[in-house]
């Protein structure tokens, strides 16, 4: 019988929590839907990452590597009129994606990136594997 006393209160707490959960989930889905598509391909010489970046300019794109993590970030901007009538750039959306390249054997010094018609292509050349062949002299009697 004591359960009945608390059921409405618990129900309202859970319904509020459920609403908060659903709101957070919907915000995540909205965020996920805004993420640019990307595709990773591999051939014998390199990996390539192709990303849709509509409306992004070259100068608003940053690509870098730190501790075996390739990071790509972009901001899409547009011109808006300020209250005083002057035009200024305003960030409309931003994007950030990271890739772990530690196990891929990437030639970091020769990574290339090209942004053309709203499509970013990053080429990650593979390191040439060092192959050793050596006869070991056996010493002793």
N, C-alpha and C. Protein backbone atom coordinates (compact mmCIF):
# COMPACT_ATOMS: atom_id res chain seq x y z
N UNK A 1 0.81 -1.19 0.00
CA UNK A 1 0.00 0.00 0.00
C UNK A 1 0.86 1.26 0.00
N UNK A 2 2.01 1.21 0.67
CA UNK A 2 2.87 2.39 0.69
C UNK A 2 3.40 2.70 -0.71
N UNK A 3 3.49 1.73 -1.57
CA UNK A 3 3.94 1.98 -2.95
C UNK A 3 2.98 2.91 -3.68
N UNK A 4 1.70 2.75 -3.46
CA UNK A 4 0.72 3.59 -4.14
C UNK A 4 0.91 5.06 -3.81
N UNK A 5 1.31 5.36 -2.62
CA UNK A 5 1.50 6.75 -2.24
C UNK A 5 2.58 7.40 -3.09
N UNK A 6 3.68 6.65 -3.38
CA UNK A 6 4.82 7.21 -4.09
C UNK A 6 4.76 7.06 -5.59
N UNK A 7 3.86 6.25 -6.09
CA UNK A 7 3.81 6.01 -7.54
C UNK A 7 3.60 7.29 -8.34
N UNK A 8 2.63 8.15 -8.04
CA UNK A 8 2.47 9.36 -8.84
C UNK A 8 3.72 10.24 -8.82
N UNK A 9 4.35 10.37 -7.65
CA UNK A 9 5.55 11.19 -7.55
C UNK A 9 6.66 10.59 -8.40
N UNK A 10 6.88 9.30 -8.29
CA UNK A 10 7.91 8.64 -9.08
C UNK A 10 7.59 8.75 -10.56
N UNK A 11 6.34 8.59 -10.89
CA UNK A 11 5.95 8.68 -12.29
C UNK A 11 6.29 10.07 -12.85
N UNK A 12 5.98 11.11 -12.10
CA UNK A 12 6.26 12.45 -12.60
C UNK A 12 7.77 12.69 -12.69
N UNK A 13 8.55 12.17 -11.73
CA UNK A 13 10.01 12.30 -11.80
C UNK A 13 10.53 11.57 -13.03
N UNK A 14 10.07 10.34 -13.22
CA UNK A 14 10.54 9.58 -14.37
C UNK A 14 10.07 10.18 -15.68
N UNK A 15 8.86 10.71 -15.70
CA UNK A 15 8.40 11.31 -16.95
C UNK A 15 9.22 12.56 -17.27
N UNK A 16 9.58 13.35 -16.26
CA UNK A 16 10.44 14.50 -16.49
C UNK A 16 11.82 14.06 -16.96
N UNK A 17 12.35 13.03 -16.30
CA UNK A 17 13.67 12.51 -16.71
C UNK A 17 13.58 11.95 -18.12
N UNK A 18 12.48 11.27 -18.41
CA UNK A 18 12.30 10.71 -19.74
C UNK A 18 12.21 11.81 -20.78
N UNK A 19 11.51 12.89 -20.45
CA UNK A 19 11.44 14.03 -21.38
C UNK A 19 12.81 14.65 -21.59
N UNK A 20 13.58 14.80 -20.49
CA UNK A 20 14.93 15.34 -20.62
C UNK A 20 15.79 14.41 -21.48
N UNK A 21 15.64 13.10 -21.26
CA UNK A 21 16.39 12.12 -22.05
C UNK A 21 16.00 12.24 -23.53
N UNK A 22 14.72 12.30 -23.81
CA UNK A 22 14.26 12.40 -25.21
C UNK A 22 14.73 13.70 -25.85
N UNK A 23 14.69 14.80 -25.09
CA UNK A 23 15.18 16.08 -25.62
C UNK A 23 16.67 16.00 -25.94
N UNK A 24 17.44 15.41 -25.02
CA UNK A 24 18.89 15.26 -25.26
C UNK A 24 19.13 14.36 -26.47
N UNK A 25 18.36 13.28 -26.58
CA UNK A 25 18.51 12.36 -27.70
C UNK A 25 18.17 13.07 -29.02
N UNK A 26 17.12 13.87 -29.03
CA UNK A 26 16.75 14.61 -30.24
C UNK A 26 17.82 15.62 -30.61
N UNK A 27 18.40 16.30 -29.60
CA UNK A 27 19.50 17.25 -29.89
C UNK A 27 20.68 16.52 -30.47
N UNK A 28 20.99 15.32 -29.93
CA UNK A 28 22.10 14.52 -30.47
C UNK A 28 21.80 14.11 -31.91
N UNK A 29 20.59 13.68 -32.17
CA UNK A 29 20.23 13.28 -33.54
C UNK A 29 20.33 14.46 -34.49
N UNK A 30 19.88 15.64 -34.05
CA UNK A 30 20.02 16.84 -34.88
C UNK A 30 21.48 17.11 -35.17
N UNK A 31 22.33 17.01 -34.13
CA UNK A 31 23.77 17.23 -34.30
C UNK A 31 24.35 16.19 -35.26
N UNK A 32 23.94 14.92 -35.07
CA UNK A 32 24.44 13.85 -35.91
C UNK A 32 24.04 14.06 -37.37
N UNK A 33 22.85 14.57 -37.60
CA UNK A 33 22.37 14.79 -38.96
C UNK A 33 23.13 15.93 -39.65
N UNK A 34 23.73 16.83 -38.87
CA UNK A 34 24.49 17.93 -39.46
C UNK A 34 25.93 17.55 -39.76
N UNK A 35 26.39 16.42 -39.24
CA UNK A 35 27.78 16.03 -39.48
C UNK A 35 27.99 15.72 -40.95
N UNK A 36 29.09 16.19 -41.50
CA UNK A 36 29.37 15.86 -42.90
C UNK A 36 29.59 14.36 -43.06
N UNK A 37 29.20 13.86 -44.21
CA UNK A 37 29.46 12.46 -44.51
C UNK A 37 30.94 12.31 -44.81
N UNK A 38 31.50 11.17 -44.47
CA UNK A 38 32.87 10.90 -44.89
C UNK A 38 33.00 9.44 -45.27
N UNK A 39 33.96 9.19 -46.12
CA UNK A 39 34.23 7.83 -46.59
C UNK A 39 35.73 7.62 -46.53
N UNK A 40 36.15 6.47 -46.04
CA UNK A 40 37.56 6.13 -45.98
C UNK A 40 37.81 4.98 -46.93
N UNK A 41 38.80 5.15 -47.78
CA UNK A 41 39.18 4.10 -48.72
C UNK A 41 40.66 3.80 -48.54
N UNK A 42 41.05 2.59 -48.93
CA UNK A 42 42.43 2.17 -48.82
C UNK A 42 42.86 1.48 -50.11
N UNK A 43 44.07 1.80 -50.54
CA UNK A 43 44.68 1.02 -51.61
C UNK A 43 46.08 0.64 -51.14
N UNK A 44 46.89 0.07 -52.02
CA UNK A 44 48.21 -0.42 -51.59
C UNK A 44 49.16 0.71 -51.19
N UNK A 45 48.92 1.94 -51.65
CA UNK A 45 49.84 3.04 -51.37
C UNK A 45 49.35 4.03 -50.31
N UNK A 46 48.04 4.12 -50.10
CA UNK A 46 47.55 5.16 -49.20
C UNK A 46 46.13 4.88 -48.71
N UNK A 47 45.74 5.70 -47.73
CA UNK A 47 44.36 5.79 -47.27
C UNK A 47 43.85 7.14 -47.76
N UNK A 48 42.58 7.23 -48.04
CA UNK A 48 42.01 8.53 -48.38
C UNK A 48 40.72 8.72 -47.61
N UNK A 49 40.55 9.94 -47.13
CA UNK A 49 39.33 10.31 -46.42
C UNK A 49 38.65 11.37 -47.28
N UNK A 50 37.42 11.11 -47.66
CA UNK A 50 36.65 12.05 -48.47
C UNK A 50 35.47 12.53 -47.63
N UNK A 51 35.35 13.85 -47.50
CA UNK A 51 34.29 14.43 -46.66
C UNK A 51 33.54 15.51 -47.43
N UNK A 52 32.24 15.53 -47.26
CA UNK A 52 31.43 16.61 -47.81
C UNK A 52 31.53 17.81 -46.87
N UNK A 53 31.93 18.95 -47.41
CA UNK A 53 32.06 20.18 -46.63
C UNK A 53 31.43 21.34 -47.39
N UNK A 54 30.13 21.27 -47.66
CA UNK A 54 29.51 22.35 -48.44
C UNK A 54 29.57 23.68 -47.72
N UNK A 55 29.92 24.71 -48.45
CA UNK A 55 29.95 26.05 -47.90
C UNK A 55 31.18 26.38 -47.07
N UNK A 56 32.12 25.44 -46.93
CA UNK A 56 33.33 25.68 -46.16
C UNK A 56 34.42 26.19 -47.09
N UNK A 57 35.10 27.26 -46.66
CA UNK A 57 36.22 27.79 -47.43
C UNK A 57 37.53 27.21 -46.91
N UNK A 58 38.52 27.20 -47.76
CA UNK A 58 39.83 26.66 -47.42
C UNK A 58 40.40 27.29 -46.15
N UNK A 59 40.24 28.60 -46.02
CA UNK A 59 40.80 29.30 -44.86
C UNK A 59 40.05 29.01 -43.55
N UNK A 60 38.87 28.40 -43.64
CA UNK A 60 38.10 28.06 -42.45
C UNK A 60 38.23 26.59 -42.07
N UNK A 61 39.23 25.94 -42.61
CA UNK A 61 39.46 24.52 -42.41
C UNK A 61 40.81 24.33 -41.74
N UNK A 62 40.86 23.52 -40.69
CA UNK A 62 42.11 23.20 -40.01
C UNK A 62 42.28 21.70 -39.96
N UNK A 63 43.46 21.24 -40.37
CA UNK A 63 43.79 19.82 -40.34
C UNK A 63 45.14 19.69 -39.67
N UNK A 64 45.26 18.80 -38.71
CA UNK A 64 46.54 18.63 -38.02
C UNK A 64 46.64 17.27 -37.37
N UNK A 65 47.85 16.95 -36.96
CA UNK A 65 48.11 15.69 -36.27
C UNK A 65 48.80 15.99 -34.96
N UNK A 66 48.30 15.36 -33.92
CA UNK A 66 48.93 15.45 -32.61
C UNK A 66 48.83 14.08 -31.95
N UNK A 67 50.00 13.54 -31.63
CA UNK A 67 50.06 12.24 -30.96
C UNK A 67 49.23 11.18 -31.67
N UNK A 68 49.44 11.03 -32.95
CA UNK A 68 48.79 10.00 -33.77
C UNK A 68 47.28 10.18 -33.93
N UNK A 69 46.79 11.37 -33.68
CA UNK A 69 45.37 11.67 -33.91
C UNK A 69 45.29 12.72 -35.01
N UNK A 70 44.64 12.37 -36.11
CA UNK A 70 44.39 13.31 -37.20
C UNK A 70 43.10 14.03 -36.88
N UNK A 71 43.17 15.36 -36.78
CA UNK A 71 41.99 16.17 -36.45
C UNK A 71 41.63 17.06 -37.63
N UNK A 72 40.35 17.10 -37.94
CA UNK A 72 39.83 17.95 -39.00
C UNK A 72 38.73 18.79 -38.38
N UNK A 73 38.88 20.11 -38.49
CA UNK A 73 37.82 20.99 -37.99
C UNK A 73 37.53 22.05 -39.05
N UNK A 74 36.29 22.44 -39.10
CA UNK A 74 35.86 23.42 -40.10
C UNK A 74 34.76 24.29 -39.51
N UNK A 75 34.71 25.52 -40.02
CA UNK A 75 33.64 26.44 -39.66
C UNK A 75 33.03 26.97 -40.94
N UNK A 76 31.72 26.92 -41.00
CA UNK A 76 31.03 27.51 -42.15
C UNK A 76 30.51 28.86 -41.71
N UNK A 77 30.88 29.87 -42.47
CA UNK A 77 30.52 31.24 -42.10
C UNK A 77 29.64 31.86 -43.18
N UNK A 78 28.92 32.90 -42.78
CA UNK A 78 28.17 33.68 -43.77
C UNK A 78 28.24 35.13 -43.36
N UNK A 79 28.03 35.99 -44.32
CA UNK A 79 28.03 37.43 -44.08
C UNK A 79 26.65 37.85 -43.56
N UNK A 80 26.65 38.61 -42.48
CA UNK A 80 25.40 39.14 -41.93
C UNK A 80 25.58 40.63 -41.69
N UNK A 81 24.48 41.33 -41.74
CA UNK A 81 24.53 42.78 -41.50
C UNK A 81 24.38 43.04 -40.01
N UNK A 82 25.28 43.82 -39.50
CA UNK A 82 25.22 44.22 -38.09
C UNK A 82 24.18 45.32 -37.92
N UNK A 83 23.90 45.67 -36.69
CA UNK A 83 22.90 46.71 -36.41
C UNK A 83 23.31 48.06 -37.00
N UNK A 84 24.62 48.29 -37.08
CA UNK A 84 25.09 49.57 -37.61
C UNK A 84 25.15 49.57 -39.14
N UNK A 85 24.69 48.50 -39.77
CA UNK A 85 24.65 48.43 -41.23
C UNK A 85 25.88 47.83 -41.87
N UNK A 86 26.92 47.61 -41.10
CA UNK A 86 28.14 47.00 -41.65
C UNK A 86 27.97 45.49 -41.75
N UNK A 87 28.66 44.91 -42.71
CA UNK A 87 28.62 43.45 -42.86
C UNK A 87 29.74 42.83 -42.05
N UNK A 88 29.45 41.68 -41.46
CA UNK A 88 30.47 40.93 -40.73
C UNK A 88 30.21 39.44 -40.91
N UNK A 89 31.29 38.67 -40.76
CA UNK A 89 31.16 37.22 -40.88
C UNK A 89 30.68 36.63 -39.56
N UNK A 90 29.80 35.66 -39.67
CA UNK A 90 29.29 34.99 -38.49
C UNK A 90 29.35 33.48 -38.74
N UNK A 91 29.79 32.73 -37.71
CA UNK A 91 29.86 31.27 -37.84
C UNK A 91 28.44 30.71 -37.83
N UNK A 92 28.12 29.96 -38.87
CA UNK A 92 26.80 29.34 -38.99
C UNK A 92 26.82 27.94 -38.38
N UNK A 93 27.88 27.19 -38.66
CA UNK A 93 28.02 25.86 -38.10
C UNK A 93 29.49 25.50 -38.03
N UNK A 94 29.80 24.55 -37.17
CA UNK A 94 31.18 24.09 -37.06
C UNK A 94 31.18 22.57 -36.99
N UNK A 95 32.31 22.01 -37.32
CA UNK A 95 32.44 20.57 -37.42
C UNK A 95 33.82 20.16 -36.93
N UNK A 96 33.89 19.04 -36.23
CA UNK A 96 35.17 18.51 -35.79
C UNK A 96 35.12 16.99 -35.84
N UNK A 97 36.16 16.40 -36.39
CA UNK A 97 36.25 14.94 -36.48
C UNK A 97 37.69 14.54 -36.26
N UNK A 98 37.91 13.46 -35.52
CA UNK A 98 39.26 12.97 -35.26
C UNK A 98 39.36 11.50 -35.69
N UNK A 99 40.55 11.14 -36.14
CA UNK A 99 40.83 9.78 -36.58
C UNK A 99 42.11 9.30 -35.91
N UNK A 100 42.09 8.11 -35.34
CA UNK A 100 43.30 7.54 -34.75
C UNK A 100 44.08 6.86 -35.87
N UNK A 101 45.29 7.34 -36.10
CA UNK A 101 46.10 6.78 -37.20
C UNK A 101 47.34 6.05 -36.66
N UNK A 102 47.35 5.74 -35.36
CA UNK A 102 48.55 5.18 -34.74
C UNK A 102 48.92 3.80 -35.28
N UNK A 103 47.95 3.01 -35.65
CA UNK A 103 48.26 1.65 -36.08
C UNK A 103 48.30 1.51 -37.60
N UNK A 104 48.20 2.60 -38.32
CA UNK A 104 48.07 2.53 -39.77
C UNK A 104 49.39 2.65 -40.52
N UNK A 105 50.48 3.02 -39.88
CA UNK A 105 51.75 3.18 -40.58
C UNK A 105 51.70 4.30 -41.61
N UNK A 106 51.32 5.50 -41.18
CA UNK A 106 51.13 6.65 -42.06
C UNK A 106 52.43 7.44 -42.19
N UNK A 107 52.75 7.87 -43.40
CA UNK A 107 53.86 8.76 -43.67
C UNK A 107 53.37 10.18 -43.40
N UNK A 108 53.51 10.62 -42.16
CA UNK A 108 52.94 11.88 -41.69
C UNK A 108 53.48 13.08 -42.48
N UNK A 109 54.73 13.03 -42.88
CA UNK A 109 55.35 14.16 -43.57
C UNK A 109 54.76 14.41 -44.95
N UNK A 110 54.07 13.45 -45.52
CA UNK A 110 53.57 13.59 -46.90
C UNK A 110 52.05 13.54 -47.01
N UNK A 111 51.35 13.84 -45.93
CA UNK A 111 49.89 13.91 -45.98
C UNK A 111 49.48 15.11 -46.82
N UNK A 112 48.47 14.92 -47.66
CA UNK A 112 47.98 15.99 -48.53
C UNK A 112 46.48 16.18 -48.32
N UNK A 113 46.03 17.41 -48.49
CA UNK A 113 44.60 17.71 -48.37
C UNK A 113 44.20 18.66 -49.50
N UNK A 114 43.01 18.42 -50.05
CA UNK A 114 42.52 19.24 -51.14
C UNK A 114 41.02 19.47 -50.93
N UNK A 115 40.61 20.73 -50.98
CA UNK A 115 39.20 21.09 -50.88
C UNK A 115 38.77 21.64 -52.22
N UNK A 116 37.82 20.96 -52.86
CA UNK A 116 37.38 21.37 -54.18
C UNK A 116 35.88 21.14 -54.30
N UNK A 117 35.13 22.18 -54.64
CA UNK A 117 33.67 22.10 -54.82
C UNK A 117 32.96 21.51 -53.61
N UNK A 118 33.39 21.90 -52.40
CA UNK A 118 32.74 21.43 -51.19
C UNK A 118 33.08 20.03 -50.78
N UNK A 119 34.10 19.42 -51.38
CA UNK A 119 34.52 18.07 -51.03
C UNK A 119 35.98 18.13 -50.60
N UNK A 120 36.24 17.67 -49.38
CA UNK A 120 37.60 17.61 -48.86
C UNK A 120 38.13 16.19 -49.06
N UNK A 121 39.32 16.09 -49.62
CA UNK A 121 39.97 14.79 -49.76
C UNK A 121 41.32 14.89 -49.06
N UNK A 122 41.53 14.03 -48.08
CA UNK A 122 42.80 13.95 -47.36
C UNK A 122 43.45 12.63 -47.74
N UNK A 123 44.68 12.72 -48.27
CA UNK A 123 45.43 11.53 -48.67
C UNK A 123 46.48 11.25 -47.60
N UNK A 124 46.44 10.05 -47.05
CA UNK A 124 47.38 9.62 -46.03
C UNK A 124 48.25 8.51 -46.61
N UNK A 125 49.45 8.86 -47.13
CA UNK A 125 50.29 7.83 -47.73
C UNK A 125 50.81 6.86 -46.67
N UNK A 126 50.90 5.61 -47.05
CA UNK A 126 51.42 4.59 -46.15
C UNK A 126 52.94 4.67 -46.12
N UNK A 127 53.49 4.38 -44.95
CA UNK A 127 54.94 4.30 -44.83
C UNK A 127 55.40 3.03 -45.51
N UNK A 128 56.54 3.16 -46.17
CA UNK A 128 57.10 1.97 -46.77
C UNK A 128 57.70 1.13 -45.67
N UNK A 129 57.31 -0.14 -45.64
CA UNK A 129 57.83 -1.03 -44.61
C UNK A 129 59.29 -1.32 -44.87
N UNK A 130 60.06 -1.21 -43.82
CA UNK A 130 61.47 -1.52 -43.94
C UNK A 130 61.64 -3.03 -43.91
N UNK A 131 62.32 -3.54 -44.89
CA UNK A 131 62.55 -4.98 -44.96
C UNK A 131 64.04 -5.21 -44.81
N UNK A 132 64.37 -6.01 -43.85
CA UNK A 132 65.77 -6.28 -43.57
C UNK A 132 66.12 -7.68 -44.03
N UNK A 133 67.29 -7.76 -44.56
CA UNK A 133 67.84 -9.08 -44.88
C UNK A 133 69.32 -8.99 -44.58
N UNK A 134 69.76 -9.83 -43.68
CA UNK A 134 71.15 -9.79 -43.27
C UNK A 134 71.54 -11.15 -42.77
N UNK A 135 72.73 -11.57 -43.16
CA UNK A 135 73.27 -12.81 -42.64
C UNK A 135 73.98 -12.49 -41.33
N UNK A 136 73.73 -13.28 -40.34
CA UNK A 136 74.35 -13.10 -39.04
C UNK A 136 75.51 -14.06 -38.92
N UNK A 137 76.66 -13.49 -38.63
CA UNK A 137 77.86 -14.32 -38.48
C UNK A 137 77.80 -15.02 -37.14
N UNK A 138 78.09 -16.28 -37.16
CA UNK A 138 78.10 -17.07 -35.95
C UNK A 138 79.54 -17.15 -35.46
N UNK A 139 79.76 -16.73 -34.23
CA UNK A 139 81.09 -16.76 -33.65
C UNK A 139 81.22 -17.94 -32.71
N UNK A 140 82.40 -18.33 -32.51
CA UNK A 140 82.65 -19.43 -31.58
C UNK A 140 83.60 -20.42 -32.17
N UNK A 141 83.60 -21.64 -31.69
CA UNK A 141 84.53 -22.67 -32.13
C UNK A 141 84.33 -23.10 -33.55
